[in-house]
Amino acid sequence: MMKFELGRCLLQERLNESDMTLEELSRQLRYKPERILDYMDNKRVMPLKTAISIANSVGCNVQDLYDLKPID
């Protein structure tokens, strides 16, 4: 079993791939854009429930929202 540490948030890349804007995502999920920006700027870590909703909205896996760094 491998453990991981969360690296940089990759939500901007996932938004680019899905052709969705921050505003569209925030409207769809009913989150304030500032909250999503905090995730994107690594000021806050997404709670699992939020990450699942975001991943579903942009069409990716939850693991694709962050740069995952293996821990020895």
N, C-alpha and C. Protein backbone atom coordinates (compact mmCIF):
# COMPACT_ATOMS: atom_id res chain seq x y z
N MET A 1 0.84 -1.18 0.00
CA MET A 1 0.00 0.00 0.00
C MET A 1 0.88 1.24 0.00
N MET A 2 0.62 2.13 -0.93
CA MET A 2 1.42 3.35 -1.04
C MET A 2 0.65 4.53 -0.49
N LYS A 3 1.33 5.39 0.25
CA LYS A 3 0.72 6.62 0.76
C LYS A 3 1.09 7.77 -0.17
N PHE A 4 0.21 8.77 -0.20
CA PHE A 4 0.44 9.93 -1.05
C PHE A 4 0.28 11.22 -0.26
N GLU A 5 0.98 12.22 -0.71
CA GLU A 5 0.85 13.57 -0.20
C GLU A 5 0.26 14.41 -1.33
N LEU A 6 -0.64 15.33 -0.97
CA LEU A 6 -1.21 16.19 -2.00
C LEU A 6 -0.22 17.26 -2.40
N GLY A 7 0.02 17.36 -3.70
CA GLY A 7 0.84 18.43 -4.23
C GLY A 7 -0.06 19.55 -4.73
N ARG A 8 0.34 20.13 -5.81
CA ARG A 8 -0.38 21.25 -6.42
C ARG A 8 -1.76 20.84 -6.93
N CYS A 9 -2.73 21.72 -6.75
CA CYS A 9 -4.07 21.49 -7.29
C CYS A 9 -4.03 21.63 -8.81
N LEU A 10 -4.65 20.68 -9.51
CA LEU A 10 -4.63 20.66 -10.98
C LEU A 10 -5.99 21.02 -11.58
N LEU A 11 -6.83 21.68 -10.78
CA LEU A 11 -8.18 21.99 -11.25
C LEU A 11 -8.17 22.90 -12.48
N GLN A 12 -7.26 23.86 -12.56
CA GLN A 12 -7.23 24.73 -13.74
C GLN A 12 -6.99 23.91 -15.01
N GLU A 13 -6.08 22.93 -14.93
CA GLU A 13 -5.81 22.07 -16.08
C GLU A 13 -7.04 21.25 -16.45
N ARG A 14 -7.76 20.74 -15.43
CA ARG A 14 -8.96 19.95 -15.70
C ARG A 14 -10.06 20.83 -16.31
N LEU A 15 -10.18 22.08 -15.84
CA LEU A 15 -11.16 23.00 -16.44
C LEU A 15 -10.81 23.26 -17.90
N ASN A 16 -9.53 23.48 -18.18
CA ASN A 16 -9.10 23.73 -19.57
C ASN A 16 -9.45 22.54 -20.47
N GLU A 17 -9.21 21.33 -19.97
CA GLU A 17 -9.49 20.12 -20.75
C GLU A 17 -10.98 19.94 -21.00
N SER A 18 -11.81 20.39 -20.07
CA SER A 18 -13.26 20.19 -20.19
C SER A 18 -13.95 21.37 -20.87
N ASP A 19 -13.17 22.40 -21.23
CA ASP A 19 -13.73 23.62 -21.83
C ASP A 19 -14.80 24.26 -20.94
N MET A 20 -14.60 24.13 -19.63
CA MET A 20 -15.52 24.73 -18.66
C MET A 20 -14.80 25.89 -17.97
N THR A 21 -15.53 26.94 -17.69
CA THR A 21 -14.93 28.07 -16.98
C THR A 21 -15.16 27.93 -15.48
N LEU A 22 -14.39 28.67 -14.74
CA LEU A 22 -14.56 28.72 -13.29
C LEU A 22 -15.97 29.15 -12.94
N GLU A 23 -16.48 30.13 -13.66
CA GLU A 23 -17.83 30.65 -13.41
C GLU A 23 -18.89 29.58 -13.66
N GLU A 24 -18.72 28.82 -14.75
CA GLU A 24 -19.68 27.74 -15.05
C GLU A 24 -19.66 26.68 -13.96
N LEU A 25 -18.46 26.31 -13.52
CA LEU A 25 -18.34 25.30 -12.47
C LEU A 25 -18.97 25.79 -11.17
N SER A 26 -18.68 27.03 -10.80
CA SER A 26 -19.23 27.56 -9.55
C SER A 26 -20.75 27.66 -9.61
N ARG A 27 -21.28 28.04 -10.76
CA ARG A 27 -22.73 28.12 -10.93
C ARG A 27 -23.37 26.73 -10.84
N GLN A 28 -22.75 25.76 -11.53
CA GLN A 28 -23.29 24.40 -11.56
C GLN A 28 -23.32 23.77 -10.16
N LEU A 29 -22.26 24.01 -9.38
CA LEU A 29 -22.15 23.39 -8.06
C LEU A 29 -22.69 24.28 -6.93
N ARG A 30 -23.04 25.52 -7.29
CA ARG A 30 -23.52 26.51 -6.31
C ARG A 30 -22.47 26.80 -5.25
N TYR A 31 -21.23 26.94 -5.70
CA TYR A 31 -20.12 27.35 -4.83
C TYR A 31 -19.71 28.75 -5.25
N LYS A 32 -19.23 29.53 -4.31
CA LYS A 32 -18.71 30.84 -4.66
C LYS A 32 -17.42 30.66 -5.47
N PRO A 33 -17.23 31.47 -6.53
CA PRO A 33 -15.99 31.35 -7.32
C PRO A 33 -14.74 31.51 -6.45
N GLU A 34 -14.83 32.35 -5.41
CA GLU A 34 -13.68 32.57 -4.53
C GLU A 34 -13.26 31.29 -3.82
N ARG A 35 -14.22 30.48 -3.47
CA ARG A 35 -13.94 29.20 -2.81
C ARG A 35 -13.18 28.27 -3.75
N ILE A 36 -13.63 28.19 -4.98
CA ILE A 36 -12.95 27.35 -5.97
C ILE A 36 -11.56 27.89 -6.27
N LEU A 37 -11.44 29.21 -6.34
CA LEU A 37 -10.12 29.82 -6.54
C LEU A 37 -9.17 29.49 -5.40
N ASP A 38 -9.67 29.42 -4.18
CA ASP A 38 -8.84 29.03 -3.04
C ASP A 38 -8.28 27.63 -3.23
N TYR A 39 -9.09 26.72 -3.77
CA TYR A 39 -8.60 25.37 -4.06
C TYR A 39 -7.52 25.43 -5.14
N MET A 40 -7.80 26.19 -6.20
CA MET A 40 -6.87 26.28 -7.33
C MET A 40 -5.54 26.91 -6.92
N ASP A 41 -5.59 27.84 -5.98
CA ASP A 41 -4.37 28.53 -5.52
C ASP A 41 -3.71 27.82 -4.34
N ASN A 42 -4.20 26.62 -4.01
CA ASN A 42 -3.67 25.83 -2.89
C ASN A 42 -3.78 26.53 -1.54
N LYS A 43 -4.78 27.39 -1.40
CA LYS A 43 -5.02 28.04 -0.11
C LYS A 43 -5.90 27.17 0.77
N ARG A 44 -6.69 26.28 0.13
CA ARG A 44 -7.54 25.34 0.84
C ARG A 44 -7.46 24.00 0.12
N VAL A 45 -7.63 22.91 0.88
CA VAL A 45 -7.70 21.57 0.29
C VAL A 45 -9.16 21.21 0.16
N MET A 46 -9.54 20.66 -0.99
CA MET A 46 -10.93 20.27 -1.22
C MET A 46 -11.33 19.14 -0.28
N PRO A 47 -12.45 19.28 0.40
CA PRO A 47 -12.98 18.12 1.13
C PRO A 47 -13.37 17.04 0.10
N LEU A 48 -13.36 15.79 0.51
CA LEU A 48 -13.63 14.69 -0.41
C LEU A 48 -14.96 14.86 -1.14
N LYS A 49 -16.01 15.23 -0.42
CA LYS A 49 -17.33 15.42 -1.03
C LYS A 49 -17.27 16.47 -2.15
N THR A 50 -16.57 17.55 -1.90
CA THR A 50 -16.41 18.62 -2.89
C THR A 50 -15.60 18.13 -4.07
N ALA A 51 -14.50 17.41 -3.80
CA ALA A 51 -13.64 16.89 -4.88
C ALA A 51 -14.42 15.94 -5.78
N ILE A 52 -15.28 15.11 -5.19
CA ILE A 52 -16.09 14.18 -5.99
C ILE A 52 -17.04 14.96 -6.90
N SER A 53 -17.68 15.99 -6.36
CA SER A 53 -18.61 16.81 -7.16
C SER A 53 -17.88 17.53 -8.28
N ILE A 54 -16.71 18.09 -7.97
CA ILE A 54 -15.94 18.80 -8.99
C ILE A 54 -15.46 17.84 -10.07
N ALA A 55 -14.93 16.70 -9.66
CA ALA A 55 -14.44 15.71 -10.64
C ALA A 55 -15.58 15.25 -11.56
N ASN A 56 -16.74 15.03 -10.99
CA ASN A 56 -17.90 14.63 -11.79
C ASN A 56 -18.28 15.72 -12.79
N SER A 57 -18.22 16.97 -12.35
CA SER A 57 -18.59 18.10 -13.21
C SER A 57 -17.62 18.31 -14.38
N VAL A 58 -16.33 18.14 -14.11
CA VAL A 58 -15.34 18.39 -15.17
C VAL A 58 -14.97 17.12 -15.93
N GLY A 59 -15.49 15.97 -15.49
CA GLY A 59 -15.27 14.72 -16.22
C GLY A 59 -13.90 14.10 -16.00
N CYS A 60 -13.46 14.05 -14.75
CA CYS A 60 -12.17 13.42 -14.46
C CYS A 60 -12.31 12.58 -13.20
N ASN A 61 -11.25 11.87 -12.84
CA ASN A 61 -11.20 11.13 -11.58
C ASN A 61 -10.78 12.07 -10.47
N VAL A 62 -11.20 11.77 -9.25
CA VAL A 62 -10.83 12.60 -8.10
C VAL A 62 -9.31 12.73 -8.00
N GLN A 63 -8.59 11.64 -8.27
CA GLN A 63 -7.13 11.65 -8.18
C GLN A 63 -6.48 12.63 -9.17
N ASP A 64 -7.22 12.97 -10.22
CA ASP A 64 -6.67 13.88 -11.24
C ASP A 64 -6.77 15.36 -10.85
N LEU A 65 -7.33 15.64 -9.69
CA LEU A 65 -7.48 17.02 -9.25
C LEU A 65 -6.25 17.56 -8.54
N TYR A 66 -5.36 16.67 -8.13
CA TYR A 66 -4.13 17.09 -7.44
C TYR A 66 -2.94 16.33 -7.99
N ASP A 67 -1.78 16.96 -7.90
CA ASP A 67 -0.52 16.30 -8.19
C ASP A 67 -0.22 15.45 -6.95
N LEU A 68 -0.26 14.13 -7.11
CA LEU A 68 -0.07 13.22 -5.98
C LEU A 68 1.39 12.81 -5.89
N LYS A 69 1.98 13.00 -4.71
CA LYS A 69 3.39 12.68 -4.50
C LYS A 69 3.50 11.48 -3.57
N PRO A 70 4.09 10.37 -4.06
CA PRO A 70 4.25 9.19 -3.20
C PRO A 70 5.13 9.50 -2.00
N ILE A 71 4.76 8.92 -0.85
CA ILE A 71 5.56 9.06 0.37
C ILE A 71 6.18 7.70 0.65
N ASP A 72 7.47 7.70 0.95
CA ASP A 72 8.17 6.43 1.26
C ASP A 72 7.76 5.91 2.61
